[in-house]
PDB file of N, CA and C in Angstrom:
ATOM      1  N   MET A   1     174.000  37.113 168.375  1.00  0.00           N
ATOM      2  CA  MET A   1     173.469  37.829 167.244  1.00  0.00           C
ATOM      3  C   MET A   1     173.859  37.151 165.923  1.00  0.00           C
ATOM      4  N   VAL A   2     175.083  36.708 165.846  1.00  0.00           N
ATOM      5  CA  VAL A   2     175.539  36.029 164.629  1.00  0.00           C
ATOM      6  C   VAL A   2     174.729  34.760 164.408  1.00  0.00           C
ATOM      7  N   LEU A   3     174.492  34.031 165.486  1.00  0.00           N
ATOM      8  CA  LEU A   3     173.694  32.811 165.378  1.00  0.00           C
ATOM      9  C   LEU A   3     172.278  33.107 164.913  1.00  0.00           C
ATOM     10  N   PHE A   4     171.714  34.196 165.411  1.00  0.00           N
ATOM     11  CA  PHE A   4     170.366  34.571 164.999  1.00  0.00           C
ATOM     12  C   PHE A   4     170.328  34.855 163.499  1.00  0.00           C
ATOM     13  N   VAL A   5     171.293  35.632 163.003  1.00  0.00           N
ATOM     14  CA  VAL A   5     171.340  35.977 161.576  1.00  0.00           C
ATOM     15  C   VAL A   5     171.498  34.721 160.734  1.00  0.00           C
ATOM     16  N   LEU A   6     172.388  33.829 161.143  1.00  0.00           N
ATOM     17  CA  LEU A   6     172.586  32.580 160.395  1.00  0.00           C
ATOM     18  C   LEU A   6     171.336  31.709 160.419  1.00  0.00           C
ATOM     19  N   ALA A   7     170.704  31.598 161.585  1.00  0.00           N
ATOM     20  CA  ALA A   7     169.475  30.798 161.687  1.00  0.00           C
ATOM     21  C   ALA A   7     168.367  31.406 160.829  1.00  0.00           C
ATOM     22  N   TYR A   8     168.282  32.720 160.819  1.00  0.00           N
ATOM     23  CA  TYR A   8     167.266  33.403 160.003  1.00  0.00           C
ATOM     24  C   TYR A   8     167.518  33.131 158.528  1.00  0.00           C
ATOM     25  N   ALA A   9     168.785  33.214 158.118  1.00  0.00           N
ATOM     26  CA  ALA A   9     169.134  32.970 156.717  1.00  0.00           C
ATOM     27  C   ALA A   9     168.806  31.533 156.314  1.00  0.00           C
ATOM     28  N   VAL A  10     169.120  30.582 157.165  1.00  0.00           N
ATOM     29  CA  VAL A  10     168.816  29.174 156.873  1.00  0.00           C
ATOM     30  C   VAL A  10     167.305  28.962 156.794  1.00  0.00           C
ATOM     31  N   ALA A  11     166.554  29.574 157.705  1.00  0.00           N
ATOM     32  CA  ALA A  11     165.090  29.462 157.671  1.00  0.00           C
ATOM     33  C   ALA A  11     164.540  30.019 156.359  1.00  0.00           C
ATOM     34  N   GLU A  12     165.096  31.129 155.903  1.00  0.00           N
ATOM     35  CA  GLU A  12     164.678  31.698 154.613  1.00  0.00           C
ATOM     36  C   GLU A  12     164.979  30.729 153.479  1.00  0.00           C
ATOM     37  N   MET A  13     166.142  30.111 153.526  1.00  0.00           N
ATOM     38  CA  MET A  13     166.534  29.188 152.463  1.00  0.00           C
ATOM     39  C   MET A  13     165.678  27.921 152.460  1.00  0.00           C
ATOM     40  N   LEU A  14     165.161  27.563 153.610  1.00  0.00           N
ATOM     41  CA  LEU A  14     164.271  26.401 153.719  1.00  0.00           C
ATOM     42  C   LEU A  14     162.814  26.778 153.458  1.00  0.00           C
ATOM     43  N   LEU A  15     162.593  28.027 153.095  1.00  0.00           N
ATOM     44  CA  LEU A  15     161.264  28.562 152.774  1.00  0.00           C
ATOM     45  C   LEU A  15     160.297  28.500 153.954  1.00  0.00           C
ATOM     46  N   LEU A  16     160.830  28.655 155.155  1.00  0.00           N
ATOM     47  CA  LEU A  16     160.004  28.662 156.366  1.00  0.00           C
ATOM     48  C   LEU A  16     159.440  30.063 156.613  1.00  0.00           C
ATOM     49  N   PRO A  17     158.300  30.154 157.284  1.00  0.00           N
ATOM     50  CA  PRO A  17     157.738  31.482 157.598  1.00  0.00           C
ATOM     51  C   PRO A  17     158.673  32.257 158.524  1.00  0.00           C
ATOM     52  N   ALA A  18     158.840  33.533 158.239  1.00  0.00           N
ATOM     53  CA  ALA A  18     159.808  34.334 158.994  1.00  0.00           C
ATOM     54  C   ALA A  18     159.177  35.240 160.046  1.00  0.00           C
ATOM     55  N   LEU A  19     157.874  35.409 160.024  1.00  0.00           N
ATOM     56  CA  LEU A  19     157.234  36.353 160.932  1.00  0.00           C
ATOM     57  C   LEU A  19     157.557  36.084 162.411  1.00  0.00           C
ATOM     58  N   PRO A  20     157.488  34.845 162.888  1.00  0.00           N
ATOM     59  CA  PRO A  20     157.811  34.636 164.312  1.00  0.00           C
ATOM     60  C   PRO A  20     159.233  35.064 164.671  1.00  0.00           C
ATOM     61  N   ALA A  21     160.198  34.762 163.824  1.00  0.00           N
ATOM     62  CA  ALA A  21     161.581  35.159 164.096  1.00  0.00           C
ATOM     63  C   ALA A  21     161.748  36.672 164.005  1.00  0.00           C
ATOM     64  N   THR A  22     161.006  37.305 163.123  1.00  0.00           N
ATOM     65  CA  THR A  22     161.078  38.759 162.980  1.00  0.00           C
ATOM     66  C   THR A  22     160.548  39.436 164.239  1.00  0.00           C
ATOM     67  N   VAL A  23     159.426  38.974 164.734  1.00  0.00           N
ATOM     68  CA  VAL A  23     158.855  39.525 165.967  1.00  0.00           C
ATOM     69  C   VAL A  23     159.787  39.259 167.147  1.00  0.00           C
ATOM     70  N   LEU A  24     160.358  38.079 167.194  1.00  0.00           N
ATOM     71  CA  LEU A  24     161.303  37.730 168.260  1.00  0.00           C
ATOM     72  C   LEU A  24     162.509  38.667 168.240  1.00  0.00           C
ATOM     73  N   ALA A  25     163.028  38.955 167.073  1.00  0.00           N
ATOM     74  CA  ALA A  25     164.185  39.856 166.962  1.00  0.00           C
ATOM     75  C   ALA A  25     163.850  41.233 167.507  1.00  0.00           C
ATOM     76  N   GLY A  26     162.670  41.740 167.193  1.00  0.00           N
ATOM     77  CA  GLY A  26     162.266  43.040 167.714  1.00  0.00           C
ATOM     78  C   GLY A  26     162.115  43.028 169.222  1.00  0.00           C
ATOM     79  N   SER A  27     161.592  41.927 169.746  1.00  0.00           N
ATOM     80  CA  SER A  27     161.391  41.814 171.199  1.00  0.00           C
ATOM     81  C   SER A  27     162.714  41.693 171.951  1.00  0.00           C
ATOM     82  N   VAL A  28     163.625  40.917 171.403  1.00  0.00           N
ATOM     83  CA  VAL A  28     164.891  40.650 172.091  1.00  0.00           C
ATOM     84  C   VAL A  28     165.913  41.762 171.864  1.00  0.00           C
ATOM     85  N   TYR A  29     166.063  42.216 170.633  1.00  0.00           N
ATOM     86  CA  TYR A  29     167.122  43.167 170.295  1.00  0.00           C
ATOM     87  C   TYR A  29     166.652  44.608 170.154  1.00  0.00           C
ATOM     88  N   GLY A  30     165.355  44.837 170.194  1.00  0.00           N
ATOM     89  CA  GLY A  30     164.841  46.190 170.006  1.00  0.00           C
ATOM     90  C   GLY A  30     164.586  46.484 168.535  1.00  0.00           C
ATOM     91  N   LEU A  31     163.941  47.614 168.285  1.00  0.00           N
ATOM     92  CA  LEU A  31     163.515  47.950 166.927  1.00  0.00           C
ATOM     93  C   LEU A  31     164.689  48.110 165.959  1.00  0.00           C
ATOM     94  N   THR A  32     165.669  48.917 166.306  1.00  0.00           N
ATOM     95  CA  THR A  32     166.749  49.236 165.368  1.00  0.00           C
ATOM     96  C   THR A  32     167.657  48.038 165.116  1.00  0.00           C
ATOM     97  N   LEU A  33     168.214  47.479 166.169  1.00  0.00           N
ATOM     98  CA  LEU A  33     169.125  46.338 165.995  1.00  0.00           C
ATOM     99  C   LEU A  33     168.373  45.115 165.496  1.00  0.00           C
ATOM    100  N   GLY A  34     167.189  44.877 166.013  1.00  0.00           N
ATOM    101  CA  GLY A  34     166.389  43.741 165.565  1.00  0.00           C
ATOM    102  C   GLY A  34     166.061  43.836 164.084  1.00  0.00           C
ATOM    103  N   SER A  35     165.674  45.016 163.635  1.00  0.00           N
ATOM    104  CA  SER A  35     165.376  45.219 162.207  1.00  0.00           C
ATOM    105  C   SER A  35     166.622  44.999 161.357  1.00  0.00           C
ATOM    106  N   PHE A  36     167.741  45.519 161.799  1.00  0.00           N
ATOM    107  CA  PHE A  36     168.997  45.329 161.066  1.00  0.00           C
ATOM    108  C   PHE A  36     169.349  43.845 160.948  1.00  0.00           C
ATOM    109  N   LEU A  37     169.237  43.112 162.045  1.00  0.00           N
ATOM    110  CA  LEU A  37     169.572  41.682 162.032  1.00  0.00           C
ATOM    111  C   LEU A  37     168.626  40.895 161.127  1.00  0.00           C
ATOM    112  N   VAL A  38     167.353  41.240 161.160  1.00  0.00           N
ATOM    113  CA  VAL A  38     166.375  40.553 160.303  1.00  0.00           C
ATOM    114  C   VAL A  38     166.656  40.843 158.829  1.00  0.00           C
ATOM    115  N   VAL A  39     166.917  42.099 158.498  1.00  0.00           N
ATOM    116  CA  VAL A  39     167.208  42.448 157.099  1.00  0.00           C
ATOM    117  C   VAL A  39     168.481  41.744 156.642  1.00  0.00           C
ATOM    118  N   LEU A  40     169.477  41.686 157.493  1.00  0.00           N
ATOM    119  CA  LEU A  40     170.719  40.996 157.147  1.00  0.00           C
ATOM    120  C   LEU A  40     170.480  39.498 156.929  1.00  0.00           C
ATOM    121  N   GLY A  41     169.785  38.848 157.860  1.00  0.00           N
ATOM    122  CA  GLY A  41     169.491  37.418 157.731  1.00  0.00           C
ATOM    123  C   GLY A  41     168.608  37.120 156.533  1.00  0.00           C
ATOM    124  N   ALA A  42     167.595  37.940 156.338  1.00  0.00           N
ATOM    125  CA  ALA A  42     166.689  37.735 155.204  1.00  0.00           C
ATOM    126  C   ALA A  42     167.420  37.936 153.884  1.00  0.00           C
ATOM    127  N   SER A  43     168.297  38.923 153.839  1.00  0.00           N
ATOM    128  CA  SER A  43     169.051  39.185 152.609  1.00  0.00           C
ATOM    129  C   SER A  43     170.012  38.043 152.295  1.00  0.00           C
ATOM    130  N   LEU A  44     170.694  37.549 153.300  1.00  0.00           N
ATOM    131  CA  LEU A  44     171.598  36.407 153.083  1.00  0.00           C
ATOM    132  C   LEU A  44     170.822  35.178 152.608  1.00  0.00           C
ATOM    133  N   GLY A  45     169.698  34.914 153.254  1.00  0.00           N
ATOM    134  CA  GLY A  45     168.872  33.773 152.857  1.00  0.00           C
ATOM    135  C   GLY A  45     168.300  33.941 151.467  1.00  0.00           C
ATOM    136  N   ALA A  46     167.852  35.154 151.150  1.00  0.00           N
ATOM    137  CA  ALA A  46     167.283  35.420 149.830  1.00  0.00           C
ATOM    138  C   ALA A  46     168.338  35.252 148.739  1.00  0.00           C
ATOM    139  N   MET A  47     169.545  35.754 148.986  1.00  0.00           N
ATOM    140  CA  MET A  47     170.617  35.598 147.999  1.00  0.00           C
ATOM    141  C   MET A  47     170.988  34.126 147.834  1.00  0.00           C
ATOM    142  N   GLY A  48     170.938  33.376 148.934  1.00  0.00           N
ATOM    143  CA  GLY A  48     171.216  31.942 148.850  1.00  0.00           C
ATOM    144  C   GLY A  48     170.181  31.210 148.002  1.00  0.00           C
ATOM    145  N   VAL A  49     168.912  31.499 148.245  1.00  0.00           N
ATOM    146  CA  VAL A  49     167.838  30.868 147.470  1.00  0.00           C
ATOM    147  C   VAL A  49     167.912  31.292 146.004  1.00  0.00           C
ATOM    148  N   PHE A  50     168.162  32.570 145.768  1.00  0.00           N
ATOM    149  CA  PHE A  50     168.293  33.088 144.406  1.00  0.00           C
ATOM    150  C   PHE A  50     169.411  32.339 143.671  1.00  0.00           C
ATOM    151  N   THR A  51     170.542  32.189 144.330  1.00  0.00           N
ATOM    152  CA  THR A  51     171.690  31.513 143.715  1.00  0.00           C
ATOM    153  C   THR A  51     171.395  30.042 143.457  1.00  0.00           C
ATOM    154  N   LEU A  52     170.797  29.367 144.424  1.00  0.00           N
ATOM    155  CA  LEU A  52     170.448  27.950 144.229  1.00  0.00           C
ATOM    156  C   LEU A  52     169.448  27.780 143.088  1.00  0.00           C
ATOM    157  N   ALA A  53     168.449  28.638 143.057  1.00  0.00           N
ATOM    158  CA  ALA A  53     167.454  28.553 141.979  1.00  0.00           C
ATOM    159  C   ALA A  53     168.106  28.832 140.633  1.00  0.00           C
ATOM    160  N   ARG A  54     168.989  29.798 140.597  1.00  0.00           N
ATOM    161  CA  ARG A  54     169.658  30.170 139.345  1.00  0.00           C
ATOM    162  C   ARG A  54     170.559  29.040 138.855  1.00  0.00           C
ATOM    163  N   CYS A  55     171.275  28.409 139.763  1.00  0.00           N
ATOM    164  CA  CYS A  55     172.252  27.389 139.353  1.00  0.00           C
ATOM    165  C   CYS A  55     171.646  25.997 139.177  1.00  0.00           C
ATOM    166  N   TRP A  56     170.739  25.601 140.068  1.00  0.00           N
ATOM    167  CA  TRP A  56     170.253  24.224 140.056  1.00  0.00           C
ATOM    168  C   TRP A  56     168.867  24.056 139.456  1.00  0.00           C
ATOM    169  N   LEU A  57     167.969  24.958 139.763  1.00  0.00           N
ATOM    170  CA  LEU A  57     166.588  24.786 139.312  1.00  0.00           C
ATOM    171  C   LEU A  57     166.335  25.324 137.911  1.00  0.00           C
ATOM    172  N   ARG A  58     167.042  26.370 137.548  1.00  0.00           N
ATOM    173  CA  ARG A  58     166.755  27.039 136.277  1.00  0.00           C
ATOM    174  C   ARG A  58     166.903  26.111 135.065  1.00  0.00           C
ATOM    175  N   PRO A  59     167.965  25.319 134.980  1.00  0.00           N
ATOM    176  CA  PRO A  59     168.065  24.432 133.805  1.00  0.00           C
ATOM    177  C   PRO A  59     166.885  23.453 133.689  1.00  0.00           C
ATOM    178  N   GLN A  60     166.458  22.886 134.812  1.00  0.00           N
ATOM    179  CA  GLN A  60     165.343  21.941 134.787  1.00  0.00           C
ATOM    180  C   GLN A  60     164.009  22.653 134.563  1.00  0.00           C
ATOM    181  N   ALA A  61     163.902  23.855 135.077  1.00  0.00           N
ATOM    182  CA  ALA A  61     162.626  24.574 134.993  1.00  0.00           C
ATOM    183  C   ALA A  61     162.437  25.292 133.664  1.00  0.00           C
ATOM    184  N   SER A  62     163.488  25.386 132.867  1.00  0.00           N
ATOM    185  CA  SER A  62     163.384  26.173 131.635  1.00  0.00           C
ATOM    186  C   SER A  62     162.295  25.645 130.701  1.00  0.00           C
ATOM    187  N   ARG A  63     162.147  24.331 130.596  1.00  0.00           N
ATOM    188  CA  ARG A  63     161.090  23.767 129.740  1.00  0.00           C
ATOM    189  C   ARG A  63     159.710  24.131 130.276  1.00  0.00           C
ATOM    190  N   TRP A  64     159.539  24.030 131.577  1.00  0.00           N
ATOM    191  CA  TRP A  64     158.255  24.369 132.195  1.00  0.00           C
ATOM    192  C   TRP A  64     157.956  25.859 132.016  1.00  0.00           C
ATOM    193  N   LEU A  65     158.976  26.694 132.177  1.00  0.00           N
ATOM    194  CA  LEU A  65     158.788  28.139 132.035  1.00  0.00           C
ATOM    195  C   LEU A  65     158.363  28.503 130.618  1.00  0.00           C
ATOM    196  N   GLU A  66     158.907  27.804 129.636  1.00  0.00           N
ATOM    197  CA  GLU A  66     158.566  28.092 128.248  1.00  0.00           C
ATOM    198  C   GLU A  66     157.112  27.752 127.934  1.00  0.00           C
ATOM    199  N   ARG A  67     156.557  26.770 128.623  1.00  0.00           N
ATOM    200  CA  ARG A  67     155.168  26.360 128.376  1.00  0.00           C
ATOM    201  C   ARG A  67     154.155  27.194 129.144  1.00  0.00           C
ATOM    202  N   SER A  68     154.587  27.890 130.164  1.00  0.00           N
ATOM    203  CA  SER A  68     153.668  28.646 131.013  1.00  0.00           C
ATOM    204  C   SER A  68     153.498  30.078 130.499  1.00  0.00           C
ATOM    205  N   ARG A  69     152.300  30.418 130.132  1.00  0.00           N
ATOM    206  CA  ARG A  69     151.984  31.757 129.641  1.00  0.00           C
ATOM    207  C   ARG A  69     152.232  32.804 130.734  1.00  0.00           C
ATOM    208  N   HIS A  70     151.873  32.473 131.959  1.00  0.00           N
ATOM    209  CA  HIS A  70     152.032  33.413 133.071  1.00  0.00           C
ATOM    210  C   HIS A  70     153.505  33.642 133.393  1.00  0.00           C
ATOM    211  N   MET A  71     154.290  32.581 133.367  1.00  0.00           N
ATOM    212  CA  MET A  71     155.715  32.721 133.660  1.00  0.00           C
ATOM    213  C   MET A  71     156.429  33.497 132.554  1.00  0.00           C
ATOM    214  N   LYS A  72     155.987  33.318 131.310  1.00  0.00           N
ATOM    215  CA  LYS A  72     156.570  34.098 130.208  1.00  0.00           C
ATOM    216  C   LYS A  72     156.297  35.586 130.426  1.00  0.00           C
ATOM    217  N   ALA A  73     155.086  35.898 130.840  1.00  0.00           N
ATOM    218  CA  ALA A  73     154.731  37.300 131.095  1.00  0.00           C
ATOM    219  C   ALA A  73     155.559  37.856 132.252  1.00  0.00           C
ATOM    220  N   LEU A  74     155.714  37.067 133.315  1.00  0.00           N
ATOM    221  CA  LEU A  74     156.525  37.494 134.458  1.00  0.00           C
ATOM    222  C   LEU A  74     157.973  37.711 134.030  1.00  0.00           C
ATOM    223  N   GLN A  75     158.501  36.799 133.239  1.00  0.00           N
ATOM    224  CA  GLN A  75     159.872  36.927 132.735  1.00  0.00           C
ATOM    225  C   GLN A  75     160.042  38.235 131.960  1.00  0.00           C
ATOM    226  N   ARG A  76     159.088  38.521 131.093  1.00  0.00           N
ATOM    227  CA  ARG A  76     159.158  39.716 130.259  1.00  0.00           C
ATOM    228  C   ARG A  76     159.144  40.984 131.122  1.00  0.00           C
ATOM    229  N   VAL A  77     158.238  41.032 132.079  1.00  0.00           N
ATOM    230  CA  VAL A  77     158.124  42.216 132.934  1.00  0.00           C
ATOM    231  C   VAL A  77     159.371  42.378 133.790  1.00  0.00           C
ATOM    232  N   VAL A  78     159.849  41.301 134.374  1.00  0.00           N
ATOM    233  CA  VAL A  78     161.036  41.373 135.227  1.00  0.00           C
ATOM    234  C   VAL A  78     162.261  41.771 134.406  1.00  0.00           C
ATOM    235  N   SER A  79     162.367  41.272 133.188  1.00  0.00           N
ATOM    236  CA  SER A  79     163.501  41.630 132.334  1.00  0.00           C
ATOM    237  C   SER A  79     163.482  43.108 131.961  1.00  0.00           C
ATOM    238  N   GLN A  80     162.300  43.649 131.722  1.00  0.00           N
ATOM    239  CA  GLN A  80     162.188  45.042 131.285  1.00  0.00           C
ATOM    240  C   GLN A  80     162.220  46.034 132.445  1.00  0.00           C
ATOM    241  N   GLU A  81     161.588  45.690 133.543  1.00  0.00           N
ATOM    242  CA  GLU A  81     161.425  46.621 134.667  1.00  0.00           C
ATOM    243  C   GLU A  81     161.999  46.043 135.959  1.00  0.00           C
ATOM    244  N   GLY A  82     163.115  45.357 135.884  1.00  0.00           N
ATOM    245  CA  GLY A  82     163.688  44.600 136.988  1.00  0.00           C
ATOM    246  C   GLY A  82     163.611  45.215 138.370  1.00  0.00           C
ATOM    247  N   LEU A  83     164.349  46.285 138.601  1.00  0.00           N
ATOM    248  CA  LEU A  83     164.419  46.849 139.950  1.00  0.00           C
ATOM    249  C   LEU A  83     163.075  47.390 140.411  1.00  0.00           C
ATOM    250  N   ARG A  84     162.324  48.015 139.526  1.00  0.00           N
ATOM    251  CA  ARG A  84     161.016  48.556 139.897  1.00  0.00           C
ATOM    252  C   ARG A  84     160.068  47.435 140.330  1.00  0.00           C
ATOM    253  N   VAL A  85     160.051  46.348 139.572  1.00  0.00           N
ATOM    254  CA  VAL A  85     159.193  45.199 139.909  1.00  0.00           C
ATOM    255  C   VAL A  85     159.628  44.590 141.239  1.00  0.00           C
ATOM    256  N   LEU A  86     160.931  44.449 141.428  1.00  0.00           N
ATOM    257  CA  LEU A  86     161.436  43.892 142.688  1.00  0.00           C
ATOM    258  C   LEU A  86     161.007  44.735 143.884  1.00  0.00           C
ATOM    259  N   LEU A  87     161.198  46.046 143.774  1.00  0.00           N
ATOM    260  CA  LEU A  87     160.848  46.913 144.900  1.00  0.00           C
ATOM    261  C   LEU A  87     159.355  46.894 145.195  1.00  0.00           C
ATOM    262  N   LEU A  88     158.551  46.949 144.167  1.00  0.00           N
ATOM    263  CA  LEU A  88     157.101  46.907 144.384  1.00  0.00           C
ATOM    264  C   LEU A  88     156.665  45.578 144.979  1.00  0.00           C
ATOM    265  N   ALA A  89     157.251  44.483 144.515  1.00  0.00           N
ATOM    266  CA  ALA A  89     156.902  43.164 145.054  1.00  0.00           C
ATOM    267  C   ALA A  89     157.333  43.045 146.510  1.00  0.00           C
ATOM    268  N   ARG A  90     158.489  43.595 146.846  1.00  0.00           N
ATOM    269  CA  ARG A  90     158.982  43.534 148.231  1.00  0.00           C
ATOM    270  C   ARG A  90     158.117  44.361 149.170  1.00  0.00           C
ATOM    271  N   LEU A  91     157.527  45.422 148.661  1.00  0.00           N
ATOM    272  CA  LEU A  91     156.673  46.277 149.494  1.00  0.00           C
ATOM    273  C   LEU A  91     155.285  45.685 149.703  1.00  0.00           C
ATOM    274  N   SER A  92     154.910  44.714 148.890  1.00  0.00           N
ATOM    275  CA  SER A  92     153.585  44.122 149.001  1.00  0.00           C
ATOM    276  C   SER A  92     153.555  43.065 150.106  1.00  0.00           C
ATOM    277  N   PRO A  93     152.634  43.208 151.060  1.00  0.00           N
ATOM    278  CA  PRO A  93     152.535  42.199 152.116  1.00  0.00           C
ATOM    279  C   PRO A  93     151.847  40.916 151.650  1.00  0.00           C
ATOM    280  N   VAL A  94     151.273  40.938 150.460  1.00  0.00           N
ATOM    281  CA  VAL A  94     150.518  39.794 149.956  1.00  0.00           C
ATOM    282  C   VAL A  94     151.422  38.773 149.255  1.00  0.00           C
ATOM    283  N   LEU A  95     152.453  39.251 148.582  1.00  0.00           N
ATOM    284  CA  LEU A  95     153.318  38.356 147.821  1.00  0.00           C
ATOM    285  C   LEU A  95     154.312  37.652 148.741  1.00  0.00           C
ATOM    286  N   PRO A  96     154.451  36.337 148.620  1.00  0.00           N
ATOM    287  CA  PRO A  96     155.324  35.574 149.523  1.00  0.00           C
ATOM    288  C   PRO A  96     156.809  35.799 149.212  1.00  0.00           C
ATOM    289  N   PHE A  97     157.521  36.344 150.165  1.00  0.00           N
ATOM    290  CA  PHE A  97     158.940  36.687 150.031  1.00  0.00           C
ATOM    291  C   PHE A  97     159.758  35.476 149.581  1.00  0.00           C
ATOM    292  N   ASN A  98     159.582  34.356 150.251  1.00  0.00           N
ATOM    293  CA  ASN A  98     160.389  33.160 149.963  1.00  0.00           C
ATOM    294  C   ASN A  98     160.197  32.668 148.534  1.00  0.00           C
ATOM    295  N   LEU A  99     158.969  32.585 148.103  1.00  0.00           N
ATOM    296  CA  LEU A  99     158.702  32.078 146.756  1.00  0.00           C
ATOM    297  C   LEU A  99     159.137  33.067 145.679  1.00  0.00           C
ATOM    298  N   LEU A 100     159.083  34.351 145.988  1.00  0.00           N
ATOM    299  CA  LEU A 100     159.576  35.347 145.041  1.00  0.00           C
ATOM    300  C   LEU A 100     161.070  35.183 144.800  1.00  0.00           C
ATOM    301  N   ASN A 101     161.811  34.833 145.845  1.00  0.00           N
ATOM    302  CA  ASN A 101     163.249  34.627 145.693  1.00  0.00           C
ATOM    303  C   ASN A 101     163.531  33.501 144.699  1.00  0.00           C
ATOM    304  N   VAL A 102     162.755  32.438 144.782  1.00  0.00           N
ATOM    305  CA  VAL A 102     162.899  31.322 143.840  1.00  0.00           C
ATOM    306  C   VAL A 102     162.532  31.794 142.432  1.00  0.00           C
ATOM    307  N   ALA A 103     161.422  32.490 142.307  1.00  0.00           N
ATOM    308  CA  ALA A 103     160.965  32.961 140.993  1.00  0.00           C
ATOM    309  C   ALA A 103     161.987  33.890 140.356  1.00  0.00           C
ATOM    310  N   TYR A 104     162.576  34.779 141.138  1.00  0.00           N
ATOM    311  CA  TYR A 104     163.576  35.686 140.584  1.00  0.00           C
ATOM    312  C   TYR A 104     164.849  34.931 140.209  1.00  0.00           C
ATOM    313  N   GLY A 105     165.152  33.865 140.928  1.00  0.00           N
ATOM    314  CA  GLY A 105     166.296  33.033 140.555  1.00  0.00           C
ATOM    315  C   GLY A 105     166.088  32.349 139.224  1.00  0.00           C
ATOM    316  N   LEU A 106     164.848  32.062 138.888  1.00  0.00           N
ATOM    317  CA  LEU A 106     164.521  31.434 137.610  1.00  0.00           C
ATOM    318  C   LEU A 106     164.423  32.450 136.478  1.00  0.00           C
ATOM    319  N   SER A 107     164.396  33.733 136.831  1.00  0.00           N
ATOM    320  CA  SER A 107     164.244  34.786 135.823  1.00  0.00           C
ATOM    321  C   SER A 107     165.613  35.207 135.283  1.00  0.00           C
ATOM    322  N   ASP A 108     165.583  36.204 134.412  1.00  0.00           N
ATOM    323  CA  ASP A 108     166.814  36.733 133.813  1.00  0.00           C
ATOM    324  C   ASP A 108     167.376  37.928 134.579  1.00  0.00           C
ATOM    325  N   ILE A 109     166.803  38.240 135.715  1.00  0.00           N
ATOM    326  CA  ILE A 109     167.230  39.423 136.457  1.00  0.00           C
ATOM    327  C   ILE A 109     168.682  39.245 136.928  1.00  0.00           C
ATOM    328  N   PRO A 110     169.514  40.268 136.775  1.00  0.00           N
ATOM    329  CA  PRO A 110     170.905  40.157 137.227  1.00  0.00           C
ATOM    330  C   PRO A 110     170.995  40.067 138.755  1.00  0.00           C
ATOM    331  N   PRO A 111     171.974  39.339 139.274  1.00  0.00           N
ATOM    332  CA  PRO A 111     172.130  39.219 140.732  1.00  0.00           C
ATOM    333  C   PRO A 111     172.279  40.569 141.440  1.00  0.00           C
ATOM    334  N   LEU A 112     172.976  41.522 140.831  1.00  0.00           N
ATOM    335  CA  LEU A 112     173.139  42.834 141.466  1.00  0.00           C
ATOM    336  C   LEU A 112     171.791  43.548 141.603  1.00  0.00           C
ATOM    337  N   THR A 113     170.961  43.459 140.587  1.00  0.00           N
ATOM    338  CA  THR A 113     169.625  44.065 140.651  1.00  0.00           C
ATOM    339  C   THR A 113     168.797  43.385 141.731  1.00  0.00           C
ATOM    340  N   PHE A 114     168.885  42.057 141.808  1.00  0.00           N
ATOM    341  CA  PHE A 114     168.172  41.318 142.852  1.00  0.00           C
ATOM    342  C   PHE A 114     168.627  41.795 144.231  1.00  0.00           C
ATOM    343  N   GLY A 115     169.932  41.911 144.412  1.00  0.00           N
ATOM    344  CA  GLY A 115     170.469  42.358 145.695  1.00  0.00           C
ATOM    345  C   GLY A 115     170.010  43.757 146.057  1.00  0.00           C
ATOM    346  N   LEU A 116     170.018  44.671 145.085  1.00  0.00           N
ATOM    347  CA  LEU A 116     169.554  46.036 145.337  1.00  0.00           C
ATOM    348  C   LEU A 116     168.066  46.063 145.679  1.00  0.00           C
ATOM    349  N   GLY A 117     167.303  45.176 145.073  1.00  0.00           N
ATOM    350  CA  GLY A 117     165.866  45.116 145.333  1.00  0.00           C
ATOM    351  C   GLY A 117     165.524  44.681 146.747  1.00  0.00           C
ATOM    352  N   LEU A 118     166.488  44.090 147.427  1.00  0.00           N
ATOM    353  CA  LEU A 118     166.228  43.652 148.804  1.00  0.00           C
ATOM    354  C   LEU A 118     166.034  44.827 149.764  1.00  0.00           C
ATOM    355  N   ILE A 119     166.419  46.018 149.353  1.00  0.00           N
ATOM    356  CA  ILE A 119     166.183  47.197 150.191  1.00  0.00           C
ATOM    357  C   ILE A 119     164.679  47.393 150.425  1.00  0.00           C
ATOM    358  N   GLY A 120     163.880  46.831 149.537  1.00  0.00           N
ATOM    359  CA  GLY A 120     162.423  46.938 149.660  1.00  0.00           C
ATOM    360  C   GLY A 120     161.839  46.183 150.847  1.00  0.00           C
ATOM    361  N   ILE A 121     162.628  45.329 151.492  1.00  0.00           N
ATOM    362  CA  ILE A 121     162.104  44.609 152.663  1.00  0.00           C
ATOM    363  C   ILE A 121     162.216  45.416 153.944  1.00  0.00           C
ATOM    364  N   VAL A 122     162.950  46.515 153.907  1.00  0.00           N
ATOM    365  CA  VAL A 122     163.167  47.303 155.124  1.00  0.00           C
ATOM    366  C   VAL A 122     161.866  47.836 155.731  1.00  0.00           C
ATOM    367  N   PRO A 123     160.987  48.485 154.967  1.00  0.00           N
ATOM    368  CA  PRO A 123     159.755  49.012 155.601  1.00  0.00           C
ATOM    369  C   PRO A 123     158.903  47.936 156.277  1.00  0.00           C
ATOM    370  N   GLY A 124     158.718  46.802 155.602  1.00  0.00           N
ATOM    371  CA  GLY A 124     157.930  45.727 156.194  1.00  0.00           C
ATOM    372  C   GLY A 124     158.579  45.139 157.438  1.00  0.00           C
ATOM    373  N   THR A 125     159.884  45.066 157.420  1.00  0.00           N
ATOM    374  CA  THR A 125     160.608  44.529 158.579  1.00  0.00           C
ATOM    375  C   THR A 125     160.464  45.459 159.778  1.00  0.00           C
ATOM    376  N   VAL A 126     160.639  46.730 159.561  1.00  0.00           N
ATOM    377  CA  VAL A 126     160.521  47.694 160.650  1.00  0.00           C
ATOM    378  C   VAL A 126     159.100  47.725 161.191  1.00  0.00           C
ATOM    379  N   LEU A 127     158.139  47.615 160.286  1.00  0.00           N
ATOM    380  CA  LEU A 127     156.741  47.588 160.705  1.00  0.00           C
ATOM    381  C   LEU A 127     156.494  46.412 161.602  1.00  0.00           C
TER     382      LEU A 127
END
């Protein structure tokens, strides 16, 4: 189980698709334990990507972010409505989880708010 969680977290950090591993977890470990392991692995991977984006990518991306009208708008909304935006984005099956983690790492959202927003992945994971 520990290996599964670590592998899931690494896959998230490498921006790999998670659906096959999520289905595998449900098949092997059952709904409750499988969902718990997936949420744990996804959360660890998401926090890792968020931290890497915040520390390494943000300084280089700041010039690009300043020139992008869309990114400025996203920054403004995330800064004002942080947790609400995170939860709504996590509940959407259309928005890519992995890329959102990078985008939030580039934003001004506090790490604690980002971490709390990960609760929004639970319904999709259980589904």
